[in-house]
PDB file of N, CA and C in Angstrom:
ATOM      1  N   MET A   1      -4.489 196.096 216.936  1.00  0.00           N
ATOM      2  CA  MET A   1      -5.710 196.528 216.801  1.00  0.00           C
ATOM      3  C   MET A   1      -6.474 195.712 217.008  1.00  0.00           C
ATOM      4  N   THR A   2      -7.590 195.852 217.349  1.00  0.00           N
ATOM      5  CA  THR A   2      -8.828 194.763 217.807  1.00  0.00           C
ATOM      6  C   THR A   2      -9.602 194.995 216.427  1.00  0.00           C
ATOM      7  N   LEU A   3     -10.501 193.680 216.980  1.00  0.00           N
ATOM      8  CA  LEU A   3     -11.964 193.827 215.640  1.00  0.00           C
ATOM      9  C   LEU A   3     -12.589 194.939 216.240  1.00  0.00           C
ATOM     10  N   THR A   4     -12.847 195.457 217.219  1.00  0.00           N
ATOM     11  CA  THR A   4     -13.743 196.579 217.631  1.00  0.00           C
ATOM     12  C   THR A   4     -13.508 197.969 216.739  1.00  0.00           C
ATOM     13  N   SER A   5     -12.054 197.887 216.948  1.00  0.00           N
ATOM     14  CA  SER A   5     -11.359 199.270 216.409  1.00  0.00           C
ATOM     15  C   SER A   5     -11.114 199.063 214.825  1.00  0.00           C
ATOM     16  N   LEU A   6     -11.175 197.863 214.029  1.00  0.00           N
ATOM     17  CA  LEU A   6     -11.084 197.791 212.956  1.00  0.00           C
ATOM     18  C   LEU A   6     -13.015 198.204 212.296  1.00  0.00           C
ATOM     19  N   GLY A   7     -13.841 197.662 213.417  1.00  0.00           N
ATOM     20  CA  GLY A   7     -15.189 197.923 212.618  1.00  0.00           C
ATOM     21  C   GLY A   7     -15.491 199.313 213.045  1.00  0.00           C
ATOM     22  N   ALA A   8     -15.180 200.285 213.792  1.00  0.00           N
ATOM     23  CA  ALA A   8     -15.224 201.565 213.759  1.00  0.00           C
ATOM     24  C   ALA A   8     -14.458 201.982 212.836  1.00  0.00           C
ATOM     25  N   ALA A   9     -13.226 201.627 212.728  1.00  0.00           N
ATOM     26  CA  ALA A   9     -12.630 202.410 210.696  1.00  0.00           C
ATOM     27  C   ALA A   9     -13.225 202.436 210.316  1.00  0.00           C
ATOM     28  N   GLY A  10     -13.655 200.844 209.802  1.00  0.00           N
ATOM     29  CA  GLY A  10     -14.622 200.450 208.704  1.00  0.00           C
ATOM     30  C   GLY A  10     -15.894 201.520 208.503  1.00  0.00           C
ATOM     31  N   GLY A  11     -16.572 201.163 209.718  1.00  0.00           N
ATOM     32  CA  GLY A  11     -17.999 202.120 209.811  1.00  0.00           C
ATOM     33  C   GLY A  11     -17.918 203.459 209.248  1.00  0.00           C
ATOM     34  N   ALA A  12     -16.583 204.106 210.027  1.00  0.00           N
ATOM     35  CA  ALA A  12     -16.362 204.992 209.991  1.00  0.00           C
ATOM     36  C   ALA A  12     -16.197 206.129 208.269  1.00  0.00           C
ATOM     37  N   LEU A  13     -15.408 205.134 207.635  1.00  0.00           N
ATOM     38  CA  LEU A  13     -15.092 204.864 206.487  1.00  0.00           C
ATOM     39  C   LEU A  13     -15.953 205.225 205.434  1.00  0.00           C
ATOM     40  N   ALA A  14     -16.780 204.214 205.637  1.00  0.00           N
ATOM     41  CA  ALA A  14     -17.942 204.095 204.782  1.00  0.00           C
ATOM     42  C   ALA A  14     -19.416 204.948 204.861  1.00  0.00           C
ATOM     43  N   LEU A  15     -19.160 205.654 206.267  1.00  0.00           N
ATOM     44  CA  LEU A  15     -20.241 206.870 206.558  1.00  0.00           C
ATOM     45  C   LEU A  15     -19.387 208.018 205.562  1.00  0.00           C
ATOM     46  N   VAL A  16     -18.280 208.387 205.388  1.00  0.00           N
ATOM     47  CA  VAL A  16     -17.592 209.487 204.944  1.00  0.00           C
ATOM     48  C   VAL A  16     -17.609 209.051 203.376  1.00  0.00           C
ATOM     49  N   LEU A  17     -17.669 207.890 202.788  1.00  0.00           N
ATOM     50  CA  LEU A  17     -17.906 207.916 201.387  1.00  0.00           C
ATOM     51  C   LEU A  17     -19.227 207.925 201.178  1.00  0.00           C
ATOM     52  N   ALA A  18     -20.390 207.387 201.872  1.00  0.00           N
ATOM     53  CA  ALA A  18     -21.905 207.824 201.698  1.00  0.00           C
ATOM     54  C   ALA A  18     -21.825 209.112 201.787  1.00  0.00           C
ATOM     55  N   PHE A  19     -21.196 210.317 202.450  1.00  0.00           N
ATOM     56  CA  PHE A  19     -21.168 211.132 202.290  1.00  0.00           C
ATOM     57  C   PHE A  19     -20.658 211.729 201.157  1.00  0.00           C
ATOM     58  N   ALA A  20     -19.684 211.505 200.572  1.00  0.00           N
ATOM     59  CA  ALA A  20     -19.126 211.990 199.400  1.00  0.00           C
ATOM     60  C   ALA A  20     -19.911 211.683 198.316  1.00  0.00           C
ATOM     61  N   PHE A  21     -20.480 210.425 198.212  1.00  0.00           N
ATOM     62  CA  PHE A  21     -21.614 210.047 197.265  1.00  0.00           C
ATOM     63  C   PHE A  21     -22.546 210.910 197.263  1.00  0.00           C
ATOM     64  N   PHE A  22     -23.184 211.298 198.221  1.00  0.00           N
ATOM     65  CA  PHE A  22     -24.991 212.167 198.386  1.00  0.00           C
ATOM     66  C   PHE A  22     -24.568 213.650 197.932  1.00  0.00           C
ATOM     67  N   ALA A  23     -23.143 213.876 198.565  1.00  0.00           N
ATOM     68  CA  ALA A  23     -22.987 215.472 197.803  1.00  0.00           C
ATOM     69  C   ALA A  23     -22.853 215.267 196.798  1.00  0.00           C
ATOM     70  N   ALA A  24     -22.229 214.354 196.127  1.00  0.00           N
ATOM     71  CA  ALA A  24     -22.002 214.827 194.422  1.00  0.00           C
ATOM     72  C   ALA A  24     -22.912 214.505 193.562  1.00  0.00           C
ATOM     73  N   TRP A  25     -23.525 213.451 194.017  1.00  0.00           N
ATOM     74  CA  TRP A  25     -25.512 213.423 193.567  1.00  0.00           C
ATOM     75  C   TRP A  25     -26.660 214.775 193.649  1.00  0.00           C
ATOM     76  N   LEU A  26     -26.176 215.626 195.269  1.00  0.00           N
ATOM     77  CA  LEU A  26     -26.836 216.493 195.220  1.00  0.00           C
ATOM     78  C   LEU A  26     -26.553 217.610 194.284  1.00  0.00           C
ATOM     79  N   MET A  27     -25.013 217.602 194.073  1.00  0.00           N
ATOM     80  CA  MET A  27     -24.700 218.968 193.493  1.00  0.00           C
ATOM     81  C   MET A  27     -25.193 218.794 191.731  1.00  0.00           C
ATOM     82  N   ARG A  28     -24.942 217.477 191.333  1.00  0.00           N
ATOM     83  CA  ARG A  28     -25.570 217.341 190.251  1.00  0.00           C
ATOM     84  C   ARG A  28     -27.116 217.660 189.682  1.00  0.00           C
ATOM     85  N   LYS A  29     -27.717 217.365 190.633  1.00  0.00           N
ATOM     86  CA  LYS A  29     -29.208 217.134 190.805  1.00  0.00           C
ATOM     87  C   LYS A  29     -29.551 218.917 190.674  1.00  0.00           C
ATOM     88  N   ILE A  30     -28.868 219.830 191.362  1.00  0.00           N
ATOM     89  CA  ILE A  30     -29.381 220.693 191.721  1.00  0.00           C
ATOM     90  C   ILE A  30     -28.650 222.123 190.721  1.00  0.00           C
ATOM     91  N   GLY A  31     -27.528 221.259 190.117  1.00  0.00           N
ATOM     92  CA  GLY A  31     -27.126 221.956 188.994  1.00  0.00           C
ATOM     93  C   GLY A  31     -25.669 222.758 189.205  1.00  0.00           C
ATOM     94  N   LEU A  32     -24.983 222.343 190.390  1.00  0.00           N
ATOM     95  CA  LEU A  32     -23.566 223.000 190.978  1.00  0.00           C
ATOM     96  C   LEU A  32     -22.693 222.312 190.263  1.00  0.00           C
ATOM     97  N   ALA A  33     -22.828 221.256 189.883  1.00  0.00           N
ATOM     98  CA  ALA A  33     -21.422 220.383 189.252  1.00  0.00           C
ATOM     99  C   ALA A  33     -20.861 220.996 188.447  1.00  0.00           C
ATOM    100  N   ARG A  34     -19.658 221.033 188.099  1.00  0.00           N
ATOM    101  CA  ARG A  34     -19.017 221.586 186.641  1.00  0.00           C
ATOM    102  C   ARG A  34     -19.259 221.269 185.479  1.00  0.00           C
ATOM    103  N   PRO A  35     -19.605 222.015 184.467  1.00  0.00           N
ATOM    104  CA  PRO A  35     -20.207 221.340 183.269  1.00  0.00           C
ATOM    105  C   PRO A  35     -19.042 220.725 182.335  1.00  0.00           C
ATOM    106  N   SER A  36     -19.377 219.637 181.559  1.00  0.00           N
ATOM    107  CA  SER A  36     -18.216 219.376 180.581  1.00  0.00           C
ATOM    108  C   SER A  36     -17.248 220.412 179.709  1.00  0.00           C
ATOM    109  N   PRO A  37     -15.976 219.938 179.797  1.00  0.00           N
ATOM    110  CA  PRO A  37     -15.002 221.411 178.814  1.00  0.00           C
ATOM    111  C   PRO A  37     -15.598 221.392 177.952  1.00  0.00           C
ATOM    112  N   THR A  38     -15.301 222.802 177.255  1.00  0.00           N
ATOM    113  CA  THR A  38     -15.991 223.376 175.700  1.00  0.00           C
ATOM    114  C   THR A  38     -15.237 222.047 174.898  1.00  0.00           C
ATOM    115  N   GLY A  39     -14.116 221.623 175.071  1.00  0.00           N
ATOM    116  CA  GLY A  39     -13.813 220.998 173.874  1.00  0.00           C
ATOM    117  C   GLY A  39     -14.260 219.646 173.857  1.00  0.00           C
ATOM    118  N   SER A  40     -14.754 219.120 174.658  1.00  0.00           N
ATOM    119  CA  SER A  40     -15.775 217.831 174.489  1.00  0.00           C
ATOM    120  C   SER A  40     -15.974 217.325 172.915  1.00  0.00           C
ATOM    121  N   HIS A  41     -15.508 216.626 172.526  1.00  0.00           N
ATOM    122  CA  HIS A  41     -16.381 215.910 171.223  1.00  0.00           C
ATOM    123  C   HIS A  41     -17.375 215.435 170.931  1.00  0.00           C
ATOM    124  N   ILE A  42     -18.068 214.481 172.244  1.00  0.00           N
ATOM    125  CA  ILE A  42     -18.963 213.852 172.291  1.00  0.00           C
ATOM    126  C   ILE A  42     -20.226 214.620 173.238  1.00  0.00           C
ATOM    127  N   THR A  43     -21.609 214.997 172.907  1.00  0.00           N
ATOM    128  CA  THR A  43     -22.186 215.448 173.972  1.00  0.00           C
ATOM    129  C   THR A  43     -23.555 214.851 173.913  1.00  0.00           C
ATOM    130  N   ILE A  44     -24.454 214.254 175.264  1.00  0.00           N
ATOM    131  CA  ILE A  44     -25.338 213.517 174.716  1.00  0.00           C
ATOM    132  C   ILE A  44     -26.818 215.137 174.663  1.00  0.00           C
ATOM    133  N   VAL A  45     -27.260 215.143 173.731  1.00  0.00           N
ATOM    134  CA  VAL A  45     -28.255 215.834 173.363  1.00  0.00           C
ATOM    135  C   VAL A  45     -29.582 215.503 174.309  1.00  0.00           C
ATOM    136  N   ASP A  46     -30.078 214.622 174.736  1.00  0.00           N
ATOM    137  CA  ASP A  46     -31.138 214.268 174.628  1.00  0.00           C
ATOM    138  C   ASP A  46     -31.516 212.394 174.904  1.00  0.00           C
ATOM    139  N   SER A  47     -32.145 212.231 175.836  1.00  0.00           N
ATOM    140  CA  SER A  47     -32.528 210.540 176.376  1.00  0.00           C
ATOM    141  C   SER A  47     -33.737 210.684 176.880  1.00  0.00           C
ATOM    142  N   LEU A  48     -34.133 209.563 176.204  1.00  0.00           N
ATOM    143  CA  LEU A  48     -35.670 209.087 176.182  1.00  0.00           C
ATOM    144  C   LEU A  48     -35.718 207.934 176.696  1.00  0.00           C
ATOM    145  N   GLN A  49     -36.483 207.276 177.867  1.00  0.00           N
ATOM    146  CA  GLN A  49     -36.547 205.862 178.653  1.00  0.00           C
ATOM    147  C   GLN A  49     -37.906 205.499 177.768  1.00  0.00           C
ATOM    148  N   MET A  50     -37.636 204.232 177.100  1.00  0.00           N
ATOM    149  CA  MET A  50     -38.853 203.601 176.313  1.00  0.00           C
ATOM    150  C   MET A  50     -39.813 202.807 176.613  1.00  0.00           C
ATOM    151  N   ASP A  51     -38.640 202.063 177.849  1.00  0.00           N
ATOM    152  CA  ASP A  51     -39.537 201.005 178.819  1.00  0.00           C
ATOM    153  C   ASP A  51     -38.138 200.944 180.082  1.00  0.00           C
ATOM    154  N   PRO A  52     -38.637 199.895 180.934  1.00  0.00           N
ATOM    155  CA  PRO A  52     -37.517 199.480 181.385  1.00  0.00           C
ATOM    156  C   PRO A  52     -36.060 198.874 181.137  1.00  0.00           C
ATOM    157  N   ARG A  53     -36.006 198.507 179.860  1.00  0.00           N
ATOM    158  CA  ARG A  53     -35.216 197.884 179.568  1.00  0.00           C
ATOM    159  C   ARG A  53     -34.511 198.619 178.288  1.00  0.00           C
ATOM    160  N   ARG A  54     -35.067 199.689 177.150  1.00  0.00           N
ATOM    161  CA  ARG A  54     -34.804 200.382 176.613  1.00  0.00           C
ATOM    162  C   ARG A  54     -34.739 201.543 176.633  1.00  0.00           C
ATOM    163  N   ARG A  55     -33.692 202.260 176.016  1.00  0.00           N
ATOM    164  CA  ARG A  55     -33.806 203.579 175.979  1.00  0.00           C
ATOM    165  C   ARG A  55     -33.282 204.570 174.249  1.00  0.00           C
ATOM    166  N   VAL A  56     -33.265 205.598 173.929  1.00  0.00           N
ATOM    167  CA  VAL A  56     -33.159 206.642 172.850  1.00  0.00           C
ATOM    168  C   VAL A  56     -32.428 207.540 173.190  1.00  0.00           C
ATOM    169  N   VAL A  57     -31.126 207.465 172.713  1.00  0.00           N
ATOM    170  CA  VAL A  57     -30.135 208.674 172.967  1.00  0.00           C
ATOM    171  C   VAL A  57     -29.863 209.352 171.881  1.00  0.00           C
ATOM    172  N   LEU A  58     -29.768 210.815 172.100  1.00  0.00           N
ATOM    173  CA  LEU A  58     -29.468 211.617 171.106  1.00  0.00           C
ATOM    174  C   LEU A  58     -28.242 211.958 171.378  1.00  0.00           C
ATOM    175  N   ILE A  59     -26.946 211.990 170.595  1.00  0.00           N
ATOM    176  CA  ILE A  59     -25.982 212.403 170.615  1.00  0.00           C
ATOM    177  C   ILE A  59     -25.174 213.324 169.346  1.00  0.00           C
ATOM    178  N   ARG A  60     -24.322 214.419 169.855  1.00  0.00           N
ATOM    179  CA  ARG A  60     -24.290 215.387 168.840  1.00  0.00           C
ATOM    180  C   ARG A  60     -22.395 214.717 168.900  1.00  0.00           C
ATOM    181  N   CYS A  61     -21.794 214.346 167.928  1.00  0.00           N
ATOM    182  CA  CYS A  61     -20.503 214.463 167.612  1.00  0.00           C
ATOM    183  C   CYS A  61     -19.835 214.996 166.784  1.00  0.00           C
ATOM    184  N   GLU A  62     -18.737 215.944 166.966  1.00  0.00           N
ATOM    185  CA  GLU A  62     -17.940 216.376 165.809  1.00  0.00           C
ATOM    186  C   GLU A  62     -18.542 216.745 164.392  1.00  0.00           C
ATOM    187  N   GLY A  63     -19.962 217.642 164.837  1.00  0.00           N
ATOM    188  CA  GLY A  63     -20.821 217.894 163.516  1.00  0.00           C
ATOM    189  C   GLY A  63     -21.628 217.001 163.244  1.00  0.00           C
ATOM    190  N   ARG A  64     -22.077 215.812 163.699  1.00  0.00           N
ATOM    191  CA  ARG A  64     -22.730 215.293 163.407  1.00  0.00           C
ATOM    192  C   ARG A  64     -24.025 214.872 164.406  1.00  0.00           C
ATOM    193  N   GLN A  65     -25.170 214.532 164.488  1.00  0.00           N
ATOM    194  CA  GLN A  65     -26.446 213.995 165.235  1.00  0.00           C
ATOM    195  C   GLN A  65     -26.454 212.671 165.247  1.00  0.00           C
ATOM    196  N   VAL A  66     -26.203 211.588 165.994  1.00  0.00           N
ATOM    197  CA  VAL A  66     -26.653 210.047 165.889  1.00  0.00           C
ATOM    198  C   VAL A  66     -27.694 209.989 167.228  1.00  0.00           C
ATOM    199  N   LEU A  67     -28.693 209.276 166.491  1.00  0.00           N
ATOM    200  CA  LEU A  67     -29.871 208.668 167.260  1.00  0.00           C
ATOM    201  C   LEU A  67     -29.590 207.185 167.889  1.00  0.00           C
ATOM    202  N   LEU A  68     -29.521 206.569 168.862  1.00  0.00           N
ATOM    203  CA  LEU A  68     -28.904 205.364 169.389  1.00  0.00           C
ATOM    204  C   LEU A  68     -30.458 204.829 170.017  1.00  0.00           C
ATOM    205  N   SER A  69     -30.870 203.587 169.748  1.00  0.00           N
ATOM    206  CA  SER A  69     -31.741 202.764 170.273  1.00  0.00           C
ATOM    207  C   SER A  69     -30.641 202.176 171.090  1.00  0.00           C
ATOM    208  N   LEU A  70     -30.866 201.661 172.615  1.00  0.00           N
ATOM    209  CA  LEU A  70     -29.577 201.359 173.610  1.00  0.00           C
ATOM    210  C   LEU A  70     -30.589 200.461 174.184  1.00  0.00           C
ATOM    211  N   GLY A  71     -30.172 198.984 174.671  1.00  0.00           N
ATOM    212  CA  GLY A  71     -30.587 198.060 175.817  1.00  0.00           C
ATOM    213  C   GLY A  71     -31.619 197.405 174.790  1.00  0.00           C
ATOM    214  N   GLY A  72     -31.878 196.310 175.587  1.00  0.00           N
ATOM    215  CA  GLY A  72     -33.048 195.210 175.399  1.00  0.00           C
ATOM    216  C   GLY A  72     -32.312 194.270 174.424  1.00  0.00           C
ATOM    217  N   GLY A  73     -30.936 193.972 174.694  1.00  0.00           N
ATOM    218  CA  GLY A  73     -30.223 192.955 174.248  1.00  0.00           C
ATOM    219  C   GLY A  73     -29.340 193.558 173.213  1.00  0.00           C
ATOM    220  N   ASN A  74     -29.700 194.482 172.680  1.00  0.00           N
ATOM    221  CA  ASN A  74     -28.750 195.081 171.518  1.00  0.00           C
ATOM    222  C   ASN A  74     -28.944 196.271 171.246  1.00  0.00           C
ATOM    223  N   ASP A  75     -27.839 197.093 170.662  1.00  0.00           N
ATOM    224  CA  ASP A  75     -27.902 198.732 170.280  1.00  0.00           C
ATOM    225  C   ASP A  75     -28.394 198.948 169.127  1.00  0.00           C
ATOM    226  N   ILE A  76     -29.000 199.528 168.471  1.00  0.00           N
ATOM    227  CA  ILE A  76     -29.013 199.877 167.318  1.00  0.00           C
ATOM    228  C   ILE A  76     -28.874 201.445 166.771  1.00  0.00           C
ATOM    229  N   LEU A  77     -28.180 201.449 165.611  1.00  0.00           N
ATOM    230  CA  LEU A  77     -27.665 203.075 165.150  1.00  0.00           C
ATOM    231  C   LEU A  77     -29.246 203.441 164.406  1.00  0.00           C
ATOM    232  N   LEU A  78     -30.175 203.964 164.850  1.00  0.00           N
ATOM    233  CA  LEU A  78     -31.099 204.733 164.271  1.00  0.00           C
ATOM    234  C   LEU A  78     -31.011 205.684 162.863  1.00  0.00           C
ATOM    235  N   ASP A  79     -30.073 206.609 162.982  1.00  0.00           N
ATOM    236  CA  ASP A  79     -30.060 207.634 162.195  1.00  0.00           C
ATOM    237  C   ASP A  79     -28.951 208.667 162.141  1.00  0.00           C
ATOM    238  N   THR A  80     -28.380 209.135 161.520  1.00  0.00           N
ATOM    239  CA  THR A  80     -27.767 210.301 161.591  1.00  0.00           C
ATOM    240  C   THR A  80     -27.707 211.339 160.740  1.00  0.00           C
ATOM    241  N   TRP A  81     -27.345 212.516 161.098  1.00  0.00           N
ATOM    242  CA  TRP A  81     -27.557 213.616 160.108  1.00  0.00           C
ATOM    243  C   TRP A  81     -26.734 214.695 160.466  1.00  0.00           C
ATOM    244  N   PRO A  82     -25.983 215.821 159.561  1.00  0.00           N
ATOM    245  CA  PRO A  82     -25.219 216.762 160.037  1.00  0.00           C
ATOM    246  C   PRO A  82     -25.628 217.898 161.345  1.00  0.00           C
ATOM    247  N   VAL A  83     -25.236 218.559 162.050  1.00  0.00           N
ATOM    248  CA  VAL A  83     -25.730 219.549 162.662  1.00  0.00           C
ATOM    249  C   VAL A  83     -26.119 220.712 161.613  1.00  0.00           C
ATOM    250  N   ALA A  84     -27.374 221.454 161.912  1.00  0.00           N
ATOM    251  CA  ALA A  84     -27.604 222.457 161.100  1.00  0.00           C
ATOM    252  C   ALA A  84     -26.391 223.531 161.866  1.00  0.00           C
ATOM    253  N   SER A  85     -26.168 224.356 161.026  1.00  0.00           N
ATOM    254  CA  SER A  85     -25.282 225.195 161.565  1.00  0.00           C
ATOM    255  C   SER A  85     -26.289 226.367 161.765  1.00  0.00           C
ATOM    256  N   LYS A  86     -26.024 227.410 162.946  1.00  0.00           N
ATOM    257  CA  LYS A  86     -26.917 228.512 163.292  1.00  0.00           C
ATOM    258  C   LYS A  86     -26.659 229.543 162.647  1.00  0.00           C
ATOM    259  N   ALA A  87     -27.403 230.409 162.441  1.00  0.00           N
ATOM    260  CA  ALA A  87     -27.398 231.505 161.175  1.00  0.00           C
ATOM    261  C   ALA A  87     -27.149 232.806 162.216  1.00  0.00           C
ATOM    262  N   ALA A  88     -26.484 233.347 161.528  1.00  0.00           N
ATOM    263  CA  ALA A  88     -25.961 234.528 162.514  1.00  0.00           C
ATOM    264  C   ALA A  88     -26.856 235.826 162.355  1.00  0.00           C
ATOM    265  N   PRO A  89     -27.269 236.444 163.386  1.00  0.00           N
ATOM    266  CA  PRO A  89     -28.506 237.414 163.475  1.00  0.00           C
ATOM    267  C   PRO A  89     -27.858 238.639 162.673  1.00  0.00           C
TER     268      PRO A  89
END
C-alpha cells in the first residue's frame, strides 16, 4: 500500500464515521431515536443550565426524585423526595 491509498482509506473512514455521528445526532433531535427501556431504573426528568459551568438536574430513581447541582468544581445533592403516586381516575 502506498501513502496515498492509506490517506484515501483514512479519509473515507473519517467521512463514514462523521456521517454516522451526524445521523445519530439528527435522529435524537427530531425524536426518532429509540426511547429508553421501560425497565430503566434511572430517568432524567429535567435539566437546567445555571451558568456555563453549573447545571441543576432532576432525576427519578426507584420511586424517589433527586435534585442535584452538578459542575463548578463539586457536585451537590440538593434534595430528595418520594415520587407522588398517580391517582386513578
